[in-house]
Amino acid sequence: MAKIEEYIPLVGQAVIDDLMLLGERLKGKVIQHINSTPVGGGVAEILSRMVPLLRELGVDTKWDVIKGGEQFFGVTKKFHNALHGRPEEITQRDFEIFMQTSQENIANVNTYGDIVFVHDPQPIALIKKKADNKWIWRCHIDVSNPSKKAWDFLMDFIVHYDSAVFSAPDFSRKLPIRQFLISPSIDPLSDKNKELPQEKIDAVLKKYDIKKDKPIITQISRFDRLKDPVGVIEAYLQVKKYINCQLILAGGAADDDPEGFKVLKEVQEKAKNDPDIHILLLPQNDIEINALQRASDVIVQKSIKEGFGLTVSEALWKAKPVVASNVGGIPLQIKHKYSGLLCHSIEGASFAIKQLLSSPAYARKLGENGREHVKNNFLITRHLREYMLLFLSLHHAEDVVHLY
């Protein structure tokens, strides 16, 4: 794990000094993060990097994970899809399953933090344990057009929190509590994002029998219908009519996503007759994901819905040209025709990919602009600062937090 001073060459001494000052002001407060899985997905990835850095800055930070069985996570996956606006049949029995597991977690999870920071719907009912401490609900999902049934159910819990945090302006909802806009971030020094020697990149390609004899198009994502991996294959097939290329679909599965292996089977079925489609299941192998991104000519994120889409920032950080859907938090990361290309359909994605493969200088410029945009807006040091200011604001009646 990188030390806080190792970020100085990337962000400057003043940024780190600011973080140290904020850490001093939070001494004596215990921050307790609670989510649904220790591995898999963006939330666990961010917390695995952020918690050690907060501790190094002097902030007493803990991380706890709720428990849940297959039925519970099946229900919360329905919630996830419904909150994204996808049609889902949510029954009274689903609500009962959710509450049954939630009651078990309420009984067994010790909510000891001065600030309890609850991530996403799975642990939301823990608010029933609220005492004289402060509680934050962090929504990582695109709730710009949620199912009314699912949202109304969650609202019964949300209203009891002190504050809510969303990733993008469009996700904000009418709430009786304070709201904050804090975008997620990547850690530039993590295994997934650090610089790699060419030998390592070549070794990973060799391991998976991927040759560099034709352009590589890549999507790195969980195997999830909302990431539209089948749509990526269809876009690739359209491109291949004009440009001989290959496709990598790589990703893992999260513990709280029971749909993942079904989607993987659908993708394998769609791709089975094309030897140039490489489908890789990479559970938590961040070095290999890093290498595959760095080996790629174009990186795609063709999500149908997206909370934020950190894989976009990961790709841009590596100065890669990116084609991504104009959904969720992706437009915060990609300014169309400046730091990447946004699309609205399979045909639009294929057109953009062809454009980038046919214009290497243009592709390179978009990648360079994208890296600079991520450096200025989506690195973990910015995220740390905003979270610490949020923690301080919970104990200040005014809107201004004085640091002197």
Protein backbone atom coordinates (compact mmCIF):
# COMPACT_ATOMS: atom_id res chain seq x y z
CA MET A 1 0.00 0.00 0.00
CA ALA A 2 1.38 3.39 -1.03
CA LYS A 3 2.26 5.95 1.66
CA ILE A 4 0.67 9.39 1.51
CA GLU A 5 3.98 11.11 0.65
CA GLU A 6 4.29 8.95 -2.49
CA TYR A 7 1.46 11.00 -4.03
CA ILE A 8 3.45 14.25 -3.84
CA PRO A 9 5.05 13.87 -7.33
CA LEU A 10 1.58 13.46 -8.82
CA VAL A 11 -0.47 16.08 -6.96
CA GLY A 12 2.04 18.40 -5.24
CA GLN A 13 3.12 19.03 -1.64
CA ALA A 14 0.35 21.57 -0.96
CA VAL A 15 -2.39 18.98 -1.57
CA ILE A 16 -0.81 16.55 0.89
CA ASP A 17 -0.29 19.31 3.47
CA ASP A 18 -4.00 20.14 3.17
CA LEU A 19 -4.92 16.50 3.82
CA MET A 20 -2.66 16.39 6.88
CA LEU A 21 -4.36 19.51 8.26
CA LEU A 22 -7.81 17.98 7.79
CA GLY A 23 -6.64 14.77 9.45
CA GLU A 24 -5.52 16.76 12.50
CA ARG A 25 -8.98 18.28 12.84
CA LEU A 26 -10.60 14.82 12.81
CA LYS A 27 -8.47 13.35 15.59
CA GLY A 28 -10.62 11.72 18.25
CA LYS A 29 -13.44 10.86 15.84
CA VAL A 30 -14.03 7.25 14.74
CA ILE A 31 -15.24 6.85 11.13
CA GLN A 32 -16.97 3.52 10.47
CA HIS A 33 -17.61 2.46 6.86
CA ILE A 34 -20.17 -0.29 6.29
CA ASN A 35 -20.90 -2.02 2.97
CA SER A 36 -21.98 -5.41 1.66
CA THR A 37 -18.78 -7.04 0.33
CA PRO A 38 -15.04 -6.86 1.05
CA VAL A 39 -14.08 -7.59 -2.59
CA GLY A 40 -15.50 -6.99 -6.05
CA GLY A 41 -17.05 -3.80 -7.38
CA GLY A 42 -16.08 -0.16 -7.09
CA VAL A 43 -17.14 0.43 -3.47
CA ALA A 44 -14.89 -2.28 -2.02
CA GLU A 45 -12.06 -1.20 -4.31
CA ILE A 46 -12.25 2.43 -3.18
CA LEU A 47 -12.51 1.52 0.52
CA SER A 48 -9.55 -0.87 0.29
CA ARG A 49 -7.38 2.08 -0.82
CA MET A 50 -9.02 4.88 1.17
CA VAL A 51 -9.20 3.32 4.64
CA PRO A 52 -5.41 2.82 5.03
CA LEU A 53 -4.72 6.36 3.76
CA LEU A 54 -7.22 7.89 6.19
CA ARG A 55 -5.54 5.99 9.02
CA GLU A 56 -2.16 7.27 7.90
CA LEU A 57 -3.57 10.81 7.98
CA GLY A 58 -4.49 10.23 11.63
CA VAL A 59 -8.21 9.55 11.11
CA ASP A 60 -9.39 6.53 13.12
CA THR A 61 -11.16 4.69 10.29
CA LYS A 62 -12.76 1.22 10.41
CA TRP A 63 -14.47 -0.90 7.76
CA ASP A 64 -17.19 -3.45 8.51
CA VAL A 65 -19.17 -5.69 6.15
CA ILE A 66 -22.73 -6.92 6.65
CA LYS A 67 -23.72 -10.56 6.12
CA GLY A 68 -26.33 -11.85 3.70
CA GLY A 69 -27.28 -15.02 1.92
CA GLU A 70 -28.13 -15.79 -1.69
CA GLN A 71 -31.78 -14.75 -1.28
CA PHE A 72 -30.86 -11.40 0.28
CA PHE A 73 -28.34 -10.53 -2.43
CA GLY A 74 -30.84 -11.66 -5.07
CA VAL A 75 -33.28 -9.09 -3.68
CA THR A 76 -30.67 -6.32 -3.42
CA LYS A 77 -29.67 -7.01 -7.04
CA LYS A 78 -33.32 -6.43 -7.95
CA PHE A 79 -33.19 -3.17 -5.97
CA HIS A 80 -29.98 -2.22 -7.80
CA ASN A 81 -31.55 -2.76 -11.22
CA ALA A 82 -34.84 -1.07 -10.25
CA LEU A 83 -33.06 2.00 -8.86
CA HIS A 84 -31.23 2.26 -12.19
CA GLY A 85 -34.65 2.35 -13.84
CA ARG A 86 -34.65 -1.19 -15.21
CA PRO A 87 -38.02 -3.02 -14.98
CA GLU A 88 -37.99 -5.45 -12.04
CA GLU A 89 -40.77 -7.38 -10.33
CA ILE A 90 -40.27 -6.56 -6.63
CA THR A 91 -42.74 -8.43 -4.44
CA GLN A 92 -43.81 -8.12 -0.84
CA ARG A 93 -41.84 -11.32 -0.22
CA ASP A 94 -38.69 -9.55 -1.50
CA PHE A 95 -39.20 -6.76 1.04
CA GLU A 96 -39.68 -9.38 3.77
CA ILE A 97 -36.43 -11.17 2.81
CA PHE A 98 -34.60 -7.83 2.83
CA MET A 99 -35.93 -6.92 6.27
CA GLN A 100 -35.29 -10.37 7.74
CA THR A 101 -31.58 -10.22 6.85
CA SER A 102 -31.46 -6.56 7.85
CA GLN A 103 -32.83 -7.40 11.31
CA GLU A 104 -30.07 -10.01 11.71
CA ASN A 105 -27.45 -7.41 10.77
CA ILE A 106 -29.05 -4.85 13.10
CA ALA A 107 -28.66 -7.38 15.90
CA ASN A 108 -25.10 -8.39 15.03
CA VAL A 109 -23.32 -5.33 13.57
CA ASN A 110 -21.82 -3.03 16.18
CA THR A 111 -22.32 0.56 14.97
CA TYR A 112 -19.68 2.14 17.18
CA GLY A 113 -18.48 4.99 14.95
CA ASP A 114 -18.83 8.66 15.82
CA ILE A 115 -19.69 8.84 12.11
CA VAL A 116 -21.28 5.76 10.52
CA PHE A 117 -20.85 5.82 6.73
CA VAL A 118 -23.26 3.37 5.07
CA HIS A 119 -22.71 2.49 1.41
CA ASP A 120 -25.62 1.68 -0.93
CA PRO A 121 -28.97 -0.04 -0.22
CA GLN A 122 -27.77 -3.37 1.19
CA PRO A 123 -26.92 -2.07 4.73
CA ILE A 124 -29.32 0.89 4.69
CA ALA A 125 -31.62 -0.47 7.44
CA LEU A 126 -28.80 -0.26 10.01
CA ILE A 127 -29.99 3.34 10.54
CA LYS A 128 -32.48 1.82 12.99
CA LYS A 129 -29.49 1.64 15.40
CA LYS A 130 -28.86 5.40 15.22
CA ALA A 131 -28.08 6.88 18.63
CA ASP A 132 -26.31 10.19 19.25
CA ASN A 133 -23.76 9.54 16.49
CA LYS A 134 -23.85 10.93 12.92
CA TRP A 135 -24.95 8.80 9.96
CA ILE A 136 -24.25 9.24 6.23
CA TRP A 137 -25.87 7.27 3.41
CA ARG A 138 -23.61 7.02 0.36
CA CYS A 139 -25.45 6.17 -2.86
CA HIS A 140 -23.12 4.90 -5.60
CA ILE A 141 -26.06 4.15 -7.94
CA ASP A 142 -27.60 6.25 -10.72
CA VAL A 143 -30.96 7.06 -9.11
CA SER A 144 -31.95 9.75 -11.62
CA ASN A 145 -34.96 7.67 -12.71
CA PRO A 146 -35.59 5.02 -10.05
CA SER A 147 -38.49 2.63 -9.68
CA LYS A 148 -40.97 4.42 -7.39
CA LYS A 149 -41.65 1.23 -5.45
CA ALA A 150 -37.97 0.62 -4.67
CA TRP A 151 -37.18 4.28 -3.95
CA ASP A 152 -40.18 4.78 -1.65
CA PHE A 153 -39.10 1.72 0.34
CA LEU A 154 -35.57 3.10 0.77
CA MET A 155 -36.86 6.58 1.62
CA ASP A 156 -38.30 5.22 4.87
CA PHE A 157 -34.66 4.70 5.93
CA ILE A 158 -32.91 7.59 4.14
CA VAL A 159 -34.91 10.27 5.95
CA HIS A 160 -33.37 9.21 9.28
CA TYR A 161 -29.78 9.79 8.09
CA ASP A 162 -28.00 13.08 8.74
CA SER A 163 -26.71 13.42 5.17
CA ALA A 164 -26.72 11.68 1.79
CA VAL A 165 -23.91 11.60 -0.77
CA PHE A 166 -24.37 11.16 -4.53
CA SER A 167 -21.82 10.76 -7.34
CA ALA A 168 -23.26 13.11 -9.97
CA PRO A 169 -25.62 16.13 -10.02
CA ASP A 170 -28.33 14.25 -11.96
CA PHE A 171 -28.59 11.64 -9.18
CA SER A 172 -29.77 14.12 -6.58
CA ARG A 173 -33.27 13.51 -5.20
CA LYS A 174 -35.65 15.67 -3.21
CA LEU A 175 -34.76 14.82 0.39
CA PRO A 176 -35.41 16.38 3.81
CA ILE A 177 -31.71 15.92 4.73
CA ARG A 178 -28.49 17.56 3.53
CA GLN A 179 -27.02 16.26 0.29
CA PHE A 180 -23.42 16.30 -0.95
CA LEU A 181 -21.96 15.72 -4.41
CA ILE A 182 -18.75 13.67 -4.19
CA SER A 183 -17.54 11.76 -7.23
CA PRO A 184 -15.60 8.51 -6.80
CA SER A 185 -11.90 8.29 -7.63
CA ILE A 186 -9.05 6.04 -8.69
CA ASP A 187 -5.81 5.46 -6.86
CA PRO A 188 -2.98 6.18 -9.34
CA LEU A 189 -0.53 4.10 -7.26
CA SER A 190 -2.68 0.97 -6.96
CA ASP A 191 -1.81 -2.21 -8.84
CA LYS A 192 -4.61 -1.43 -11.28
CA ASN A 193 -3.29 2.01 -12.20
CA LYS A 194 0.47 2.21 -11.54
CA GLU A 195 2.99 2.28 -14.38
CA LEU A 196 3.98 -1.17 -15.68
CA PRO A 197 7.09 -2.25 -17.59
CA GLN A 198 6.49 -3.42 -21.16
CA GLU A 199 7.76 -6.91 -20.25
CA LYS A 200 4.91 -7.30 -17.75
CA ILE A 201 2.31 -6.21 -20.30
CA ASP A 202 3.74 -8.64 -22.86
CA ALA A 203 3.76 -11.47 -20.31
CA VAL A 204 0.05 -10.98 -19.55
CA LEU A 205 -0.83 -10.99 -23.25
CA LYS A 206 1.19 -14.16 -23.72
CA LYS A 207 -0.52 -15.82 -20.74
CA TYR A 208 -3.93 -15.33 -22.38
CA ASP A 209 -2.67 -16.04 -25.92
CA ILE A 210 -3.47 -12.53 -27.14
CA LYS A 211 -1.31 -11.39 -30.03
CA LYS A 212 -0.62 -7.77 -30.98
CA ASP A 213 -1.03 -8.49 -34.69
CA LYS A 214 -4.29 -6.53 -34.89
CA PRO A 215 -5.85 -3.66 -32.88
CA ILE A 216 -7.24 -4.54 -29.45
CA ILE A 217 -10.62 -3.22 -28.27
CA THR A 218 -11.25 -3.83 -24.56
CA GLN A 219 -14.03 -3.51 -22.02
CA ILE A 220 -13.14 -4.12 -18.36
CA SER A 221 -16.28 -4.62 -16.27
CA ARG A 222 -18.20 -7.03 -14.11
CA PHE A 223 -20.30 -9.40 -16.18
CA ASP A 224 -23.51 -7.47 -15.60
CA ARG A 225 -26.36 -6.76 -18.04
CA LEU A 226 -26.17 -3.06 -17.20
CA LYS A 227 -22.58 -3.09 -18.54
CA ASP A 228 -23.98 -4.49 -21.83
CA PRO A 229 -21.16 -6.90 -22.73
CA VAL A 230 -23.36 -8.48 -25.45
CA GLY A 231 -23.80 -4.99 -26.94
CA VAL A 232 -20.02 -4.56 -26.92
CA ILE A 233 -19.68 -7.76 -28.96
CA GLU A 234 -22.27 -6.47 -31.45
CA ALA A 235 -20.40 -3.15 -31.80
CA TYR A 236 -17.11 -5.03 -32.29
CA LEU A 237 -18.69 -7.21 -35.02
CA GLN A 238 -19.77 -4.06 -36.87
CA VAL A 239 -16.25 -2.62 -36.63
CA LYS A 240 -14.71 -5.88 -37.83
CA LYS A 241 -16.51 -5.59 -41.17
CA TYR A 242 -14.17 -2.69 -41.94
CA ILE A 243 -11.10 -3.11 -39.68
CA ASN A 244 -9.54 -6.44 -38.72
CA CYS A 245 -9.45 -6.25 -34.91
CA GLN A 246 -9.91 -8.27 -31.71
CA LEU A 247 -11.97 -7.84 -28.55
CA ILE A 248 -11.18 -8.43 -24.88
CA LEU A 249 -14.02 -8.63 -22.36
CA ALA A 250 -12.43 -8.97 -18.94
CA GLY A 251 -13.70 -8.67 -15.41
CA GLY A 252 -14.68 -10.41 -12.24
CA ALA A 253 -17.78 -10.97 -10.17
CA ALA A 254 -18.80 -9.32 -6.90
CA ASP A 255 -19.92 -11.39 -3.90
CA ASP A 256 -23.21 -9.45 -3.77
CA ASP A 257 -24.04 -9.93 -7.48
CA PRO A 258 -25.65 -13.35 -8.06
CA GLU A 259 -26.42 -12.53 -11.72
CA GLY A 260 -22.78 -12.38 -12.79
CA PHE A 261 -22.26 -15.98 -13.88
CA LYS A 262 -25.53 -16.05 -15.84
CA VAL A 263 -24.40 -13.00 -17.81
CA LEU A 264 -20.96 -14.57 -18.35
CA LYS A 265 -22.64 -17.62 -19.94
CA GLU A 266 -24.68 -15.35 -22.23
CA VAL A 267 -21.51 -13.55 -23.33
CA GLN A 268 -19.67 -16.82 -23.96
CA GLU A 269 -22.59 -18.06 -26.07
CA LYS A 270 -22.63 -14.85 -28.13
CA ALA A 271 -18.86 -15.03 -28.73
CA LYS A 272 -18.33 -18.76 -29.27
CA ASN A 273 -17.73 -18.68 -33.03
CA ASP A 274 -15.15 -15.87 -33.05
CA PRO A 275 -11.53 -16.72 -32.10
CA ASP A 276 -10.72 -13.00 -31.89
CA ILE A 277 -13.01 -12.49 -28.88
CA HIS A 278 -11.15 -13.11 -25.60
CA ILE A 279 -13.43 -13.51 -22.56
CA LEU A 280 -11.40 -13.43 -19.36
CA LEU A 281 -12.64 -13.96 -15.81
CA LEU A 282 -10.12 -12.07 -13.67
CA PRO A 283 -11.17 -12.11 -10.02
CA GLN A 284 -9.26 -9.31 -8.30
CA ASN A 285 -6.19 -9.58 -10.55
CA ASP A 286 -5.50 -5.87 -10.76
CA ILE A 287 -2.03 -6.13 -12.34
CA GLU A 288 -3.46 -8.14 -15.23
CA ILE A 289 -6.34 -5.68 -15.71
CA ASN A 290 -3.79 -2.84 -15.75
CA ALA A 291 -1.70 -4.68 -18.36
CA LEU A 292 -4.70 -5.41 -20.59
CA GLN A 293 -5.77 -1.75 -20.51
CA ARG A 294 -2.25 -0.60 -21.36
CA ALA A 295 -2.06 -3.08 -24.26
CA SER A 296 -5.36 -1.86 -25.75
CA ASP A 297 -5.84 0.47 -28.69
CA VAL A 298 -9.37 1.53 -27.72
CA ILE A 299 -11.17 1.01 -24.41
CA VAL A 300 -14.96 0.81 -24.28
CA GLN A 301 -17.49 1.27 -21.48
CA LYS A 302 -20.84 0.62 -23.13
CA SER A 303 -22.99 0.71 -20.01
CA ILE A 304 -26.78 0.96 -20.26
CA LYS A 305 -26.85 2.52 -16.79
CA GLU A 306 -23.88 3.52 -14.66
CA GLY A 307 -23.36 4.84 -11.16
CA PHE A 308 -20.05 6.39 -12.13
CA GLY A 309 -17.94 3.94 -14.13
CA LEU A 310 -14.47 4.09 -12.61
CA THR A 311 -13.13 1.92 -15.42
CA VAL A 312 -13.41 5.05 -17.59
CA SER A 313 -11.07 7.03 -15.32
CA GLU A 314 -8.74 4.02 -15.11
CA ALA A 315 -8.49 3.92 -18.91
CA LEU A 316 -8.09 7.69 -19.25
CA TRP A 317 -5.37 7.69 -16.60
CA LYS A 318 -3.39 5.40 -18.92
CA ALA A 319 -3.91 7.98 -21.72
CA LYS A 320 -6.08 5.57 -23.71
CA PRO A 321 -8.82 6.71 -26.10
CA VAL A 322 -12.19 5.75 -24.64
CA VAL A 323 -15.62 5.19 -26.19
CA ALA A 324 -18.32 5.20 -23.52
CA SER A 325 -22.07 5.53 -23.16
CA ASN A 326 -23.48 8.94 -22.29
CA VAL A 327 -25.04 7.69 -19.03
CA GLY A 328 -24.64 8.13 -15.28
CA GLY A 329 -21.34 9.62 -14.14
CA ILE A 330 -19.52 8.93 -17.42
CA PRO A 331 -20.11 12.44 -18.91
CA LEU A 332 -18.31 13.89 -15.87
CA GLN A 333 -15.22 11.94 -16.97
CA ILE A 334 -15.52 12.31 -20.74
CA LYS A 335 -16.05 15.62 -22.48
CA HIS A 336 -17.15 14.52 -25.94
CA LYS A 337 -14.44 14.92 -28.60
CA TYR A 338 -12.05 16.34 -25.99
CA SER A 339 -11.23 13.56 -23.52
CA GLY A 340 -13.00 10.69 -25.28
CA LEU A 341 -16.08 9.91 -27.35
CA LEU A 342 -19.60 9.45 -25.97
CA CYS A 343 -22.13 7.20 -27.66
CA HIS A 344 -25.85 6.42 -27.37
CA SER A 345 -26.19 3.11 -29.24
CA ILE A 346 -24.39 0.06 -30.58
CA GLU A 347 -24.11 1.78 -33.97
CA GLY A 348 -22.72 4.92 -32.33
CA ALA A 349 -20.15 2.89 -30.41
CA SER A 350 -18.99 1.06 -33.52
CA PHE A 351 -18.72 4.34 -35.48
CA ALA A 352 -16.62 5.92 -32.69
CA ILE A 353 -14.34 2.87 -32.42
CA LYS A 354 -13.77 2.90 -36.20
CA GLN A 355 -12.96 6.61 -36.05
CA LEU A 356 -10.34 6.10 -33.34
CA LEU A 357 -8.73 3.07 -35.00
CA SER A 358 -8.55 4.97 -38.30
CA SER A 359 -7.10 8.16 -36.75
CA PRO A 360 -4.24 7.25 -34.36
CA ALA A 361 -3.13 10.87 -33.85
CA TYR A 362 -6.68 11.93 -32.88
CA ALA A 363 -6.98 8.90 -30.58
CA ARG A 364 -3.68 9.75 -28.92
CA LYS A 365 -4.72 13.39 -28.32
CA LEU A 366 -8.02 12.34 -26.73
CA GLY A 367 -6.09 9.98 -24.44
CA GLU A 368 -3.65 12.69 -23.38
CA ASN A 369 -6.50 15.10 -22.63
CA GLY A 370 -8.29 12.38 -20.70
CA ARG A 371 -5.29 11.68 -18.48
CA GLU A 372 -5.00 15.37 -17.58
CA HIS A 373 -8.74 15.55 -16.83
CA VAL A 374 -8.49 12.57 -14.45
CA LYS A 375 -5.39 14.03 -12.78
CA ASN A 376 -7.27 17.25 -12.05
CA ASN A 377 -10.58 15.72 -10.93
CA PHE A 378 -10.68 12.00 -10.15
CA LEU A 379 -7.64 10.99 -8.10
CA ILE A 380 -8.00 9.61 -4.58
CA THR A 381 -6.38 12.67 -2.97
CA ARG A 382 -9.34 14.84 -4.07
CA HIS A 383 -11.74 12.17 -2.79
CA LEU A 384 -10.01 12.03 0.61
CA ARG A 385 -10.20 15.80 0.97
CA GLU A 386 -13.92 15.94 0.18
CA TYR A 387 -14.76 13.06 2.52
CA MET A 388 -12.82 14.63 5.38
CA LEU A 389 -14.55 17.99 4.82
CA LEU A 390 -17.87 16.11 4.86
CA PHE A 391 -16.97 14.47 8.19
CA LEU A 392 -16.04 17.85 9.67
CA SER A 393 -19.24 19.47 8.38
CA LEU A 394 -21.39 17.00 10.35
CA HIS A 395 -20.13 18.55 13.57
CA HIS A 396 -20.53 22.18 12.45
CA ALA A 397 -23.86 23.97 12.47
CA GLU A 398 -22.61 26.47 9.88
CA ASP A 399 -22.00 25.72 6.21
CA VAL A 400 -18.39 26.90 6.54
CA VAL A 401 -15.77 24.76 8.25
CA HIS A 402 -12.92 26.86 9.66
CA LEU A 403 -9.59 25.05 9.52
CA TYR A 404 -7.46 27.55 11.43
